[in-house]
């Protein structure tokens, strides 16, 4: 099973008649990945080859609720920068470990993420595959949303 670009290069080198250098291979694959991510961030759905699924930005409405046992908020992401600021000015809040949450008011309570849909994927054991997007890609999505870019929103 392939795990990284270095692993895929080893496989490529064995299979190719005239393999390119690792540096060239790395450059080519990184450029391709950047091209795909740019398409996704532009709001397009990118269908991956070999039936490996589809990449796109997906929005989901945050459904916050109060935990009856602890009284804390469930369903919202903690705002750690805001929490740290609160703890600096309020010692009692720090002792109680009170958190500040992201409410996503700028998107009307919708949380967006880059999503890999594996629906209709013919690959066996597809639940064992994972795709983790880099922080750089997540930050790029965040910045586009802050600038007012809108994406697909699915109400569940």
Foldseek 3Di string as FASTA:
>chain_A
DDDDLVRVLVVVVVPDPDDDDSVVSVVVVVVVVVVLLVCQLVADWAQDPPLQFIKHKEKEAFDWDADPPPRDIPRFAFDVVVQVVVCVVDVVCVVVVPTDTDQPVLVPRIDMDIDGDSPPRPDPPSVPDDDDDDPVSVVSSVVCVVVPDDYHYDYD
